[in-house]
Amino acid sequence: MIFAENYGEAGALTRYGPRHGLPHPYSGHMSYADWDPPPAAADGPVLLVHQDGSDRVTRHFTGCRQVARVDNRHGVDNEESHAAVVLCTGTARSWPELWPALRHFS
């Protein structure tokens, strides 16, 4: 499962991910959160995409380690440049319990 901190990251993964075999992403940002929360039974590995310097997202997951950084390889600086890609072993609580804490509008 993939969880993106913001709708821009989630939207890019929705658009370009399938051709690379990536699963549908989830995000608690803005109205993207209304489309579909993760299934309640999902408890396995979670790949997080988020901005560095904040544990706002990672604190809700277990066994997290950074595995990559976002890089467009063209030197085009944007707000997603160098975002952390973090692999976690699972969630600290069930998705229905986490979802309200992961929703945000800023």
PDB file of N, CA and C in Angstrom:
ATOM      1  N   MET A   1       0.838  -1.164   0.000  1.00  0.00           N
ATOM      2  CA  MET A   1       0.000   0.000   0.000  1.00  0.00           C
ATOM      3  C   MET A   1       0.890   1.236   0.000  1.00  0.00           C
ATOM      4  N   ILE A   2       0.407   2.287  -0.625  1.00  0.00           N
ATOM      5  CA  ILE A   2       1.125   3.560  -0.662  1.00  0.00           C
ATOM      6  C   ILE A   2       0.256   4.637  -0.013  1.00  0.00           C
ATOM      7  N   PHE A   3       0.863   5.407   0.891  1.00  0.00           N
ATOM      8  CA  PHE A   3       0.194   6.535   1.511  1.00  0.00           C
ATOM      9  C   PHE A   3       1.023   7.778   1.240  1.00  0.00           C
ATOM     10  N   ALA A   4       0.432   8.767   0.594  1.00  0.00           N
ATOM     11  CA  ALA A   4       1.125  10.020   0.273  1.00  0.00           C
ATOM     12  C   ALA A   4       0.621  11.120   1.204  1.00  0.00           C
ATOM     13  N   GLU A   5       1.544  11.974   1.639  1.00  0.00           N
ATOM     14  CA  GLU A   5       1.180  13.035   2.577  1.00  0.00           C
ATOM     15  C   GLU A   5       0.267  14.084   1.941  1.00  0.00           C
ATOM     16  N   ASN A   6       0.408  14.318   0.628  1.00  0.00           N
ATOM     17  CA  ASN A   6      -0.448  15.340   0.020  1.00  0.00           C
ATOM     18  C   ASN A   6      -1.070  14.853  -1.285  1.00  0.00           C
ATOM     19  N   TYR A   7      -2.088  15.579  -1.716  1.00  0.00           N
ATOM     20  CA  TYR A   7      -2.839  15.154  -2.895  1.00  0.00           C
ATOM     21  C   TYR A   7      -2.020  15.245  -4.178  1.00  0.00           C
ATOM     22  N   GLY A   8      -1.019  16.118  -4.228  1.00  0.00           N
ATOM     23  CA  GLY A   8      -0.167  16.211  -5.412  1.00  0.00           C
ATOM     24  C   GLY A   8       0.644  14.946  -5.604  1.00  0.00           C
ATOM     25  N   GLU A   9       1.216  14.451  -4.519  1.00  0.00           N
ATOM     26  CA  GLU A   9       1.965  13.196  -4.583  1.00  0.00           C
ATOM     27  C   GLU A   9       1.026  12.043  -4.942  1.00  0.00           C
ATOM     28  N   ALA A  10      -0.122  12.000  -4.278  1.00  0.00           N
ATOM     29  CA  ALA A  10      -1.087  10.923  -4.538  1.00  0.00           C
ATOM     30  C   ALA A  10      -1.609  10.980  -5.968  1.00  0.00           C
ATOM     31  N   GLY A  11      -1.881  12.187  -6.466  1.00  0.00           N
ATOM     32  CA  GLY A  11      -2.365  12.332  -7.838  1.00  0.00           C
ATOM     33  C   GLY A  11      -1.347  11.872  -8.865  1.00  0.00           C
ATOM     34  N   ALA A  12      -0.082  12.203  -8.646  1.00  0.00           N
ATOM     35  CA  ALA A  12       0.973  11.752  -9.569  1.00  0.00           C
ATOM     36  C   ALA A  12       1.089  10.234  -9.543  1.00  0.00           C
ATOM     37  N   LEU A  13       0.982   9.646  -8.353  1.00  0.00           N
ATOM     38  CA  LEU A  13       1.040   8.188  -8.250  1.00  0.00           C
ATOM     39  C   LEU A  13      -0.175   7.528  -8.893  1.00  0.00           C
ATOM     40  N   THR A  14      -1.333   8.165  -8.774  1.00  0.00           N
ATOM     41  CA  THR A  14      -2.540   7.642  -9.430  1.00  0.00           C
ATOM     42  C   THR A  14      -2.375   7.661 -10.942  1.00  0.00           C
ATOM     43  N   ARG A  15      -1.810   8.749 -11.450  1.00  0.00           N
ATOM     44  CA  ARG A  15      -1.647   8.926 -12.901  1.00  0.00           C
ATOM     45  C   ARG A  15      -0.545   8.054 -13.486  1.00  0.00           C
ATOM     46  N   TYR A  16       0.618   8.038 -12.848  1.00  0.00           N
ATOM     47  CA  TYR A  16       1.783   7.371 -13.438  1.00  0.00           C
ATOM     48  C   TYR A  16       2.129   6.019 -12.816  1.00  0.00           C
ATOM     49  N   GLY A  17       1.579   5.727 -11.653  1.00  0.00           N
ATOM     50  CA  GLY A  17       1.914   4.488 -10.957  1.00  0.00           C
ATOM     51  C   GLY A  17       1.517   3.199 -11.644  1.00  0.00           C
ATOM     52  N   PRO A  18       0.303   3.098 -12.218  1.00  0.00           N
ATOM     53  CA  PRO A  18      -0.109   1.828 -12.806  1.00  0.00           C
ATOM     54  C   PRO A  18       0.835   1.292 -13.886  1.00  0.00           C
ATOM     55  N   ARG A  19       1.394   2.170 -14.696  1.00  0.00           N
ATOM     56  CA  ARG A  19       2.301   1.685 -15.750  1.00  0.00           C
ATOM     57  C   ARG A  19       3.590   1.106 -15.166  1.00  0.00           C
ATOM     58  N   HIS A  20       3.832   1.384 -13.899  1.00  0.00           N
ATOM     59  CA  HIS A  20       5.010   0.843 -13.227  1.00  0.00           C
ATOM     60  C   HIS A  20       4.640  -0.247 -12.220  1.00  0.00           C
ATOM     61  N   GLY A  21       3.388  -0.682 -12.269  1.00  0.00           N
ATOM     62  CA  GLY A  21       2.933  -1.756 -11.393  1.00  0.00           C
ATOM     63  C   GLY A  21       2.697  -1.350  -9.948  1.00  0.00           C
ATOM     64  N   LEU A  22       2.539  -0.047  -9.701  1.00  0.00           N
ATOM     65  CA  LEU A  22       2.315   0.423  -8.334  1.00  0.00           C
ATOM     66  C   LEU A  22       0.838   0.334  -7.961  1.00  0.00           C
ATOM     67  N   PRO A  23       0.553   0.051  -6.698  1.00  0.00           N
ATOM     68  CA  PRO A  23      -0.849   0.005  -6.265  1.00  0.00           C
ATOM     69  C   PRO A  23      -1.444   1.404  -6.149  1.00  0.00           C
ATOM     70  N   HIS A  24      -2.747   1.455  -6.061  1.00  0.00           N
ATOM     71  CA  HIS A  24      -3.474   2.714  -5.881  1.00  0.00           C
ATOM     72  C   HIS A  24      -3.003   3.401  -4.597  1.00  0.00           C
ATOM     73  N   PRO A  25      -2.679   4.696  -4.650  1.00  0.00           N
ATOM     74  CA  PRO A  25      -2.244   5.407  -3.443  1.00  0.00           C
ATOM     75  C   PRO A  25      -3.424   5.961  -2.645  1.00  0.00           C
ATOM     76  N   TYR A  26      -3.174   6.215  -1.396  1.00  0.00           N
ATOM     77  CA  TYR A  26      -4.138   6.853  -0.509  1.00  0.00           C
ATOM     78  C   TYR A  26      -3.505   8.118   0.047  1.00  0.00           C
ATOM     79  N   SER A  27      -4.334   9.088   0.398  1.00  0.00           N
ATOM     80  CA  SER A  27      -3.849  10.312   1.022  1.00  0.00           C
ATOM     81  C   SER A  27      -4.955  10.909   1.870  1.00  0.00           C
ATOM     82  N   GLY A  28      -4.568  11.471   3.014  1.00  0.00           N
ATOM     83  CA  GLY A  28      -5.530  12.134   3.886  1.00  0.00           C
ATOM     84  C   GLY A  28      -5.623  13.623   3.623  1.00  0.00           C
ATOM     85  N   HIS A  29      -5.002  14.101   2.540  1.00  0.00           N
ATOM     86  CA  HIS A  29      -4.928  15.530   2.269  1.00  0.00           C
ATOM     87  C   HIS A  29      -6.139  16.041   1.497  1.00  0.00           C
ATOM     88  N   MET A  30      -6.702  17.109   2.004  1.00  0.00           N
ATOM     89  CA  MET A  30      -7.816  17.803   1.354  1.00  0.00           C
ATOM     90  C   MET A  30      -8.910  16.803   0.957  1.00  0.00           C
ATOM     91  N   SER A  31      -9.540  17.007  -0.187  1.00  0.00           N
ATOM     92  CA  SER A  31     -10.639  16.145  -0.614  1.00  0.00           C
ATOM     93  C   SER A  31     -10.185  14.798  -1.149  1.00  0.00           C
ATOM     94  N   TYR A  32      -8.880  14.622  -1.362  1.00  0.00           N
ATOM     95  CA  TYR A  32      -8.394  13.304  -1.788  1.00  0.00           C
ATOM     96  C   TYR A  32      -8.779  12.254  -0.747  1.00  0.00           C
ATOM     97  N   ALA A  33      -8.849  12.672   0.503  1.00  0.00           N
ATOM     98  CA  ALA A  33      -9.207  11.762   1.590  1.00  0.00           C
ATOM     99  C   ALA A  33     -10.636  11.249   1.468  1.00  0.00           C
ATOM    100  N   ASP A  34     -11.502  11.969   0.777  1.00  0.00           N
ATOM    101  CA  ASP A  34     -12.898  11.559   0.637  1.00  0.00           C
ATOM    102  C   ASP A  34     -13.090  10.457  -0.396  1.00  0.00           C
ATOM    103  N   TRP A  35     -12.125  10.275  -1.274  1.00  0.00           N
ATOM    104  CA  TRP A  35     -12.304   9.305  -2.349  1.00  0.00           C
ATOM    105  C   TRP A  35     -12.335   7.880  -1.840  1.00  0.00           C
ATOM    106  N   ASP A  36     -11.391   7.538  -1.004  1.00  0.00           N
ATOM    107  CA  ASP A  36     -11.414   6.202  -0.426  1.00  0.00           C
ATOM    108  C   ASP A  36     -10.315   6.047   0.613  1.00  0.00           C
ATOM    109  N   PRO A  37     -10.693   5.785   1.855  1.00  0.00           N
ATOM    110  CA  PRO A  37      -9.669   5.460   2.852  1.00  0.00           C
ATOM    111  C   PRO A  37      -9.156   4.045   2.585  1.00  0.00           C
ATOM    112  N   PRO A  38      -8.012   3.701   3.117  1.00  0.00           N
ATOM    113  CA  PRO A  38      -7.507   2.339   2.937  1.00  0.00           C
ATOM    114  C   PRO A  38      -8.468   1.314   3.528  1.00  0.00           C
ATOM    115  N   PRO A  39      -8.453   0.094   2.995  1.00  0.00           N
ATOM    116  CA  PRO A  39      -9.321  -0.951   3.548  1.00  0.00           C
ATOM    117  C   PRO A  39      -8.971  -1.230   5.012  1.00  0.00           C
ATOM    118  N   ALA A  40      -9.975  -1.482   5.818  1.00  0.00           N
ATOM    119  CA  ALA A  40      -9.767  -1.723   7.248  1.00  0.00           C
ATOM    120  C   ALA A  40      -8.847  -2.912   7.497  1.00  0.00           C
ATOM    121  N   ALA A  41      -8.877  -3.906   6.637  1.00  0.00           N
ATOM    122  CA  ALA A  41      -8.077  -5.114   6.830  1.00  0.00           C
ATOM    123  C   ALA A  41      -6.611  -4.946   6.423  1.00  0.00           C
ATOM    124  N   ALA A  42      -6.284  -3.849   5.756  1.00  0.00           N
ATOM    125  CA  ALA A  42      -4.903  -3.639   5.295  1.00  0.00           C
ATOM    126  C   ALA A  42      -4.003  -3.339   6.489  1.00  0.00           C
ATOM    127  N   ASP A  43      -3.025  -4.201   6.716  1.00  0.00           N
ATOM    128  CA  ASP A  43      -2.121  -3.983   7.844  1.00  0.00           C
ATOM    129  C   ASP A  43      -0.659  -4.239   7.480  1.00  0.00           C
ATOM    130  N   GLY A  44      -0.418  -4.621   6.251  1.00  0.00           N
ATOM    131  CA  GLY A  44       0.930  -4.964   5.819  1.00  0.00           C
ATOM    132  C   GLY A  44       1.770  -3.760   5.488  1.00  0.00           C
ATOM    133  N   PRO A  45       2.851  -3.979   4.779  1.00  0.00           N
ATOM    134  CA  PRO A  45       3.785  -2.893   4.513  1.00  0.00           C
ATOM    135  C   PRO A  45       3.108  -1.669   3.896  1.00  0.00           C
ATOM    136  N   VAL A  46       3.596  -0.510   4.311  1.00  0.00           N
ATOM    137  CA  VAL A  46       3.086   0.763   3.801  1.00  0.00           C
ATOM    138  C   VAL A  46       4.273   1.583   3.321  1.00  0.00           C
ATOM    139  N   LEU A  47       4.187   2.066   2.092  1.00  0.00           N
ATOM    140  CA  LEU A  47       5.199   2.959   1.552  1.00  0.00           C
ATOM    141  C   LEU A  47       4.677   4.376   1.712  1.00  0.00           C
ATOM    142  N   LEU A  48       5.409   5.211   2.448  1.00  0.00           N
ATOM    143  CA  LEU A  48       5.001   6.591   2.693  1.00  0.00           C
ATOM    144  C   LEU A  48       5.798   7.528   1.809  1.00  0.00           C
ATOM    145  N   VAL A  49       5.142   8.564   1.301  1.00  0.00           N
ATOM    146  CA  VAL A  49       5.820   9.650   0.605  1.00  0.00           C
ATOM    147  C   VAL A  49       5.468  10.907   1.378  1.00  0.00           C
ATOM    148  N   HIS A  50       6.485  11.584   1.918  1.00  0.00           N
ATOM    149  CA  HIS A  50       6.202  12.777   2.719  1.00  0.00           C
ATOM    150  C   HIS A  50       7.412  13.695   2.750  1.00  0.00           C
ATOM    151  N   GLN A  51       7.165  14.918   3.151  1.00  0.00           N
ATOM    152  CA  GLN A  51       8.236  15.900   3.257  1.00  0.00           C
ATOM    153  C   GLN A  51       9.066  15.629   4.507  1.00  0.00           C
ATOM    154  N   ASP A  52      10.353  15.854   4.401  1.00  0.00           N
ATOM    155  CA  ASP A  52      11.257  15.662   5.536  1.00  0.00           C
ATOM    156  C   ASP A  52      10.970  16.643   6.664  1.00  0.00           C
ATOM    157  N   GLY A  53      11.485  16.298   7.828  1.00  0.00           N
ATOM    158  CA  GLY A  53      11.438  17.218   8.946  1.00  0.00           C
ATOM    159  C   GLY A  53      10.172  17.147   9.771  1.00  0.00           C
ATOM    160  N   SER A  54       9.309  16.209   9.484  1.00  0.00           N
ATOM    161  CA  SER A  54       8.077  16.103  10.236  1.00  0.00           C
ATOM    162  C   SER A  54       7.784  14.634  10.513  1.00  0.00           C
ATOM    163  N   ASP A  55       7.370  14.344  11.730  1.00  0.00           N
ATOM    164  CA  ASP A  55       6.945  12.977  12.032  1.00  0.00           C
ATOM    165  C   ASP A  55       5.415  12.886  12.046  1.00  0.00           C
ATOM    166  N   ARG A  56       4.750  13.916  11.496  1.00  0.00           N
ATOM    167  CA  ARG A  56       3.294  13.954  11.464  1.00  0.00           C
ATOM    168  C   ARG A  56       2.709  12.683  10.863  1.00  0.00           C
ATOM    169  N   VAL A  57       3.378  12.125   9.880  1.00  0.00           N
ATOM    170  CA  VAL A  57       2.893  10.918   9.219  1.00  0.00           C
ATOM    171  C   VAL A  57       3.535   9.667   9.815  1.00  0.00           C
ATOM    172  N   THR A  58       4.845   9.635   9.903  1.00  0.00           N
ATOM    173  CA  THR A  58       5.543   8.411  10.309  1.00  0.00           C
ATOM    174  C   THR A  58       5.186   7.935  11.717  1.00  0.00           C
ATOM    175  N   ARG A  59       4.792   8.814  12.589  1.00  0.00           N
ATOM    176  CA  ARG A  59       4.463   8.396  13.960  1.00  0.00           C
ATOM    177  C   ARG A  59       3.270   7.447  14.019  1.00  0.00           C
ATOM    178  N   HIS A  60       2.500   7.364  12.934  1.00  0.00           N
ATOM    179  CA  HIS A  60       1.333   6.482  12.888  1.00  0.00           C
ATOM    180  C   HIS A  60       1.658   5.101  12.318  1.00  0.00           C
ATOM    181  N   PHE A  61       2.939   4.865  12.027  1.00  0.00           N
ATOM    182  CA  PHE A  61       3.352   3.610  11.417  1.00  0.00           C
ATOM    183  C   PHE A  61       4.498   2.988  12.196  1.00  0.00           C
ATOM    184  N   THR A  62       4.748   1.715  11.957  1.00  0.00           N
ATOM    185  CA  THR A  62       5.792   1.004  12.689  1.00  0.00           C
ATOM    186  C   THR A  62       6.913   0.558  11.758  1.00  0.00           C
ATOM    187  N   GLY A  63       8.097   0.383  12.332  1.00  0.00           N
ATOM    188  CA  GLY A  63       9.238  -0.157  11.597  1.00  0.00           C
ATOM    189  C   GLY A  63       9.608   0.634  10.360  1.00  0.00           C
ATOM    190  N   CYS A  64       9.636   1.951  10.449  1.00  0.00           N
ATOM    191  CA  CYS A  64       9.860   2.804   9.275  1.00  0.00           C
ATOM    192  C   CYS A  64      11.346   3.053   9.018  1.00  0.00           C
ATOM    193  N   ARG A  65      11.705   3.016   7.736  1.00  0.00           N
ATOM    194  CA  ARG A  65      13.061   3.365   7.325  1.00  0.00           C
ATOM    195  C   ARG A  65      13.012   3.999   5.939  1.00  0.00           C
ATOM    196  N   GLN A  66      13.797   5.033   5.755  1.00  0.00           N
ATOM    197  CA  GLN A  66      13.837   5.716   4.465  1.00  0.00           C
ATOM    198  C   GLN A  66      14.516   4.816   3.434  1.00  0.00           C
ATOM    199  N   VAL A  67      13.894   4.695   2.253  1.00  0.00           N
ATOM    200  CA  VAL A  67      14.452   3.845   1.195  1.00  0.00           C
ATOM    201  C   VAL A  67      14.800   4.630  -0.064  1.00  0.00           C
ATOM    202  N   ALA A  68      14.301   5.858  -0.186  1.00  0.00           N
ATOM    203  CA  ALA A  68      14.578   6.669  -1.382  1.00  0.00           C
ATOM    204  C   ALA A  68      14.168   8.110  -1.137  1.00  0.00           C
ATOM    205  N   ARG A  69      14.436   8.933  -2.147  1.00  0.00           N
ATOM    206  CA  ARG A  69      13.988  10.331  -2.177  1.00  0.00           C
ATOM    207  C   ARG A  69      13.381  10.591  -3.547  1.00  0.00           C
ATOM    208  N   VAL A  70      12.406  11.480  -3.596  1.00  0.00           N
ATOM    209  CA  VAL A  70      11.805  11.877  -4.865  1.00  0.00           C
ATOM    210  C   VAL A  70      12.822  12.726  -5.623  1.00  0.00           C
ATOM    211  N   ASP A  71      13.039  12.386  -6.881  1.00  0.00           N
ATOM    212  CA  ASP A  71      13.985  13.116  -7.730  1.00  0.00           C
ATOM    213  C   ASP A  71      13.455  13.048  -9.161  1.00  0.00           C
ATOM    214  N   ASN A  72      13.183  14.211  -9.759  1.00  0.00           N
ATOM    215  CA  ASN A  72      12.644  14.203 -11.124  1.00  0.00           C
ATOM    216  C   ASN A  72      13.732  14.037 -12.178  1.00  0.00           C
ATOM    217  N   ARG A  73      14.971  13.988 -11.770  1.00  0.00           N
ATOM    218  CA  ARG A  73      16.134  13.753 -12.636  1.00  0.00           C
ATOM    219  C   ARG A  73      16.335  14.791 -13.736  1.00  0.00           C
ATOM    220  N   HIS A  74      15.629  15.897 -13.642  1.00  0.00           N
ATOM    221  CA  HIS A  74      15.772  16.958 -14.641  1.00  0.00           C
ATOM    222  C   HIS A  74      16.187  18.282 -14.007  1.00  0.00           C
ATOM    223  N   GLY A  75      16.460  18.258 -12.697  1.00  0.00           N
ATOM    224  CA  GLY A  75      16.884  19.463 -12.010  1.00  0.00           C
ATOM    225  C   GLY A  75      15.801  20.509 -11.848  1.00  0.00           C
ATOM    226  N   VAL A  76      14.538  20.123 -12.038  1.00  0.00           N
ATOM    227  CA  VAL A  76      13.425  21.053 -11.884  1.00  0.00           C
ATOM    228  C   VAL A  76      13.014  21.051 -10.411  1.00  0.00           C
ATOM    229  N   ASP A  77      13.271  22.154  -9.731  1.00  0.00           N
ATOM    230  CA  ASP A  77      12.953  22.250  -8.316  1.00  0.00           C
ATOM    231  C   ASP A  77      11.460  22.514  -8.145  1.00  0.00           C
ATOM    232  N   ASN A  78      10.837  21.781  -7.248  1.00  0.00           N
ATOM    233  CA  ASN A  78       9.433  21.993  -6.922  1.00  0.00           C
ATOM    234  C   ASN A  78       9.207  21.534  -5.489  1.00  0.00           C
ATOM    235  N   GLU A  79       7.996  21.674  -5.003  1.00  0.00           N
ATOM    236  CA  GLU A  79       7.740  21.353  -3.602  1.00  0.00           C
ATOM    237  C   GLU A  79       7.854  19.864  -3.297  1.00  0.00           C
ATOM    238  N   GLU A  80       7.879  19.022  -4.302  1.00  0.00           N
ATOM    239  CA  GLU A  80       8.021  17.587  -4.071  1.00  0.00           C
ATOM    240  C   GLU A  80       9.476  17.128  -4.150  1.00  0.00           C
ATOM    241  N   SER A  81      10.370  17.999  -4.627  1.00  0.00           N
ATOM    242  CA  SER A  81      11.777  17.627  -4.737  1.00  0.00           C
ATOM    243  C   SER A  81      12.313  17.157  -3.396  1.00  0.00           C
ATOM    244  N   HIS A  82      12.938  16.029  -3.421  1.00  0.00           N
ATOM    245  CA  HIS A  82      13.614  15.451  -2.264  1.00  0.00           C
ATOM    246  C   HIS A  82      12.676  14.965  -1.167  1.00  0.00           C
ATOM    247  N   ALA A  83      11.401  14.788  -1.475  1.00  0.00           N
ATOM    248  CA  ALA A  83      10.491  14.206  -0.486  1.00  0.00           C
ATOM    249  C   ALA A  83      11.004  12.817  -0.116  1.00  0.00           C
ATOM    250  N   ALA A  84      10.794  12.426   1.113  1.00  0.00           N
ATOM    251  CA  ALA A  84      11.242  11.120   1.584  1.00  0.00           C
ATOM    252  C   ALA A  84      10.283  10.031   1.132  1.00  0.00           C
ATOM    253  N   VAL A  85      10.850   8.897   0.758  1.00  0.00           N
ATOM    254  CA  VAL A  85      10.079   7.692   0.476  1.00  0.00           C
ATOM    255  C   VAL A  85      10.481   6.713   1.575  1.00  0.00           C
ATOM    256  N   VAL A  86       9.525   6.346   2.399  1.00  0.00           N
ATOM    257  CA  VAL A  86       9.795   5.594   3.617  1.00  0.00           C
ATOM    258  C   VAL A  86       8.982   4.301   3.593  1.00  0.00           C
ATOM    259  N   LEU A  87       9.642   3.186   3.869  1.00  0.00           N
ATOM    260  CA  LEU A  87       8.964   1.893   3.933  1.00  0.00           C
ATOM    261  C   LEU A  87       8.733   1.543   5.398  1.00  0.00           C
ATOM    262  N   CYS A  88       7.473   1.253   5.730  1.00  0.00           N
ATOM    263  CA  CYS A  88       7.106   0.891   7.101  1.00  0.00           C
ATOM    264  C   CYS A  88       6.539  -0.526   7.108  1.00  0.00           C
ATOM    265  N   THR A  89       6.722  -1.232   8.207  1.00  0.00           N
ATOM    266  CA  THR A  89       6.239  -2.610   8.285  1.00  0.00           C
ATOM    267  C   THR A  89       4.728  -2.684   8.463  1.00  0.00           C
ATOM    268  N   GLY A  90       4.123  -1.637   9.007  1.00  0.00           N
ATOM    269  CA  GLY A  90       2.682  -1.654   9.202  1.00  0.00           C
ATOM    270  C   GLY A  90       2.183  -0.389   9.868  1.00  0.00           C
ATOM    271  N   THR A  91       0.944  -0.451  10.313  1.00  0.00           N
ATOM    272  CA  THR A  91       0.306   0.688  10.965  1.00  0.00           C
ATOM    273  C   THR A  91       0.340   0.512  12.485  1.00  0.00           C
ATOM    274  N   ALA A  92       0.358   1.622  13.199  1.00  0.00           N
ATOM    275  CA  ALA A  92       0.352   1.567  14.663  1.00  0.00           C
ATOM    276  C   ALA A  92      -1.032   1.201  15.202  1.00  0.00           C
ATOM    277  N   ARG A  93      -2.071   1.522  14.440  1.00  0.00           N
ATOM    278  CA  ARG A  93      -3.458   1.175  14.773  1.00  0.00           C
ATOM    279  C   ARG A  93      -4.155   0.812  13.484  1.00  0.00           C
ATOM    280  N   SER A  94      -5.407   0.422  13.552  1.00  0.00           N
ATOM    281  CA  SER A  94      -6.150   0.080  12.344  1.00  0.00           C
ATOM    282  C   SER A  94      -6.408   1.339  11.505  1.00  0.00           C
ATOM    283  N   TRP A  95      -6.607   1.167  10.209  1.00  0.00           N
ATOM    284  CA  TRP A  95      -6.877   2.318   9.331  1.00  0.00           C
ATOM    285  C   TRP A  95      -8.098   3.112   9.772  1.00  0.00           C
ATOM    286  N   PRO A  96      -9.211   2.472  10.169  1.00  0.00           N
ATOM    287  CA  PRO A  96     -10.350   3.283  10.632  1.00  0.00           C
ATOM    288  C   PRO A  96     -10.001   4.160  11.840  1.00  0.00           C
ATOM    289  N   GLU A  97      -9.114   3.683  12.706  1.00  0.00           N
ATOM    290  CA  GLU A  97      -8.691   4.492  13.853  1.00  0.00           C
ATOM    291  C   GLU A  97      -7.719   5.594  13.420  1.00  0.00           C
ATOM    292  N   LEU A  98      -6.855   5.301  12.449  1.00  0.00           N
ATOM    293  CA  LEU A  98      -5.853   6.263  12.002  1.00  0.00           C
ATOM    294  C   LEU A  98      -6.401   7.354  11.095  1.00  0.00           C
ATOM    295  N   TRP A  99      -7.395   7.008  10.285  1.00  0.00           N
ATOM    296  CA  TRP A  99      -7.831   7.915   9.222  1.00  0.00           C
ATOM    297  C   TRP A  99      -8.149   9.329   9.705  1.00  0.00           C
ATOM    298  N   PRO A 100      -8.892   9.510  10.799  1.00  0.00           N
ATOM    299  CA  PRO A 100      -9.162  10.896  11.244  1.00  0.00           C
ATOM    300  C   PRO A 100      -7.884  11.668  11.570  1.00  0.00           C
ATOM    301  N   ALA A 101      -6.873  10.984  12.122  1.00  0.00           N
ATOM    302  CA  ALA A 101      -5.616  11.668  12.471  1.00  0.00           C
ATOM    303  C   ALA A 101      -4.785  11.980  11.226  1.00  0.00           C
ATOM    304  N   LEU A 102      -4.974  11.235  10.150  1.00  0.00           N
ATOM    305  CA  LEU A 102      -4.194  11.437   8.929  1.00  0.00           C
ATOM    306  C   LEU A 102      -4.844  12.440   7.980  1.00  0.00           C
ATOM    307  N   ARG A 103      -6.090  12.778   8.218  1.00  0.00           N
ATOM    308  CA  ARG A 103      -6.759  13.780   7.380  1.00  0.00           C
ATOM    309  C   ARG A 103      -6.241  15.159   7.744  1.00  0.00           C
ATOM    310  N   HIS A 104      -5.977  15.967   6.727  1.00  0.00           N
ATOM    311  CA  HIS A 104      -5.544  17.332   6.997  1.00  0.00           C
ATOM    312  C   HIS A 104      -5.878  18.221   5.805  1.00  0.00           C
ATOM    313  N   PHE A 105      -5.967  19.526   6.061  1.00  0.00           N
ATOM    314  CA  PHE A 105      -6.402  20.476   5.044  1.00  0.00           C
ATOM    315  C   PHE A 105      -5.389  21.593   4.823  1.00  0.00           C
ATOM    316  N   SER A 106      -4.154  21.345   5.180  1.00  0.00           N
ATOM    317  CA  SER A 106      -3.118  22.366   4.936  1.00  0.00           C
ATOM    318  C   SER A 106      -1.905  21.738   4.294  1.00  0.00           C
TER     319      SER A 106
END
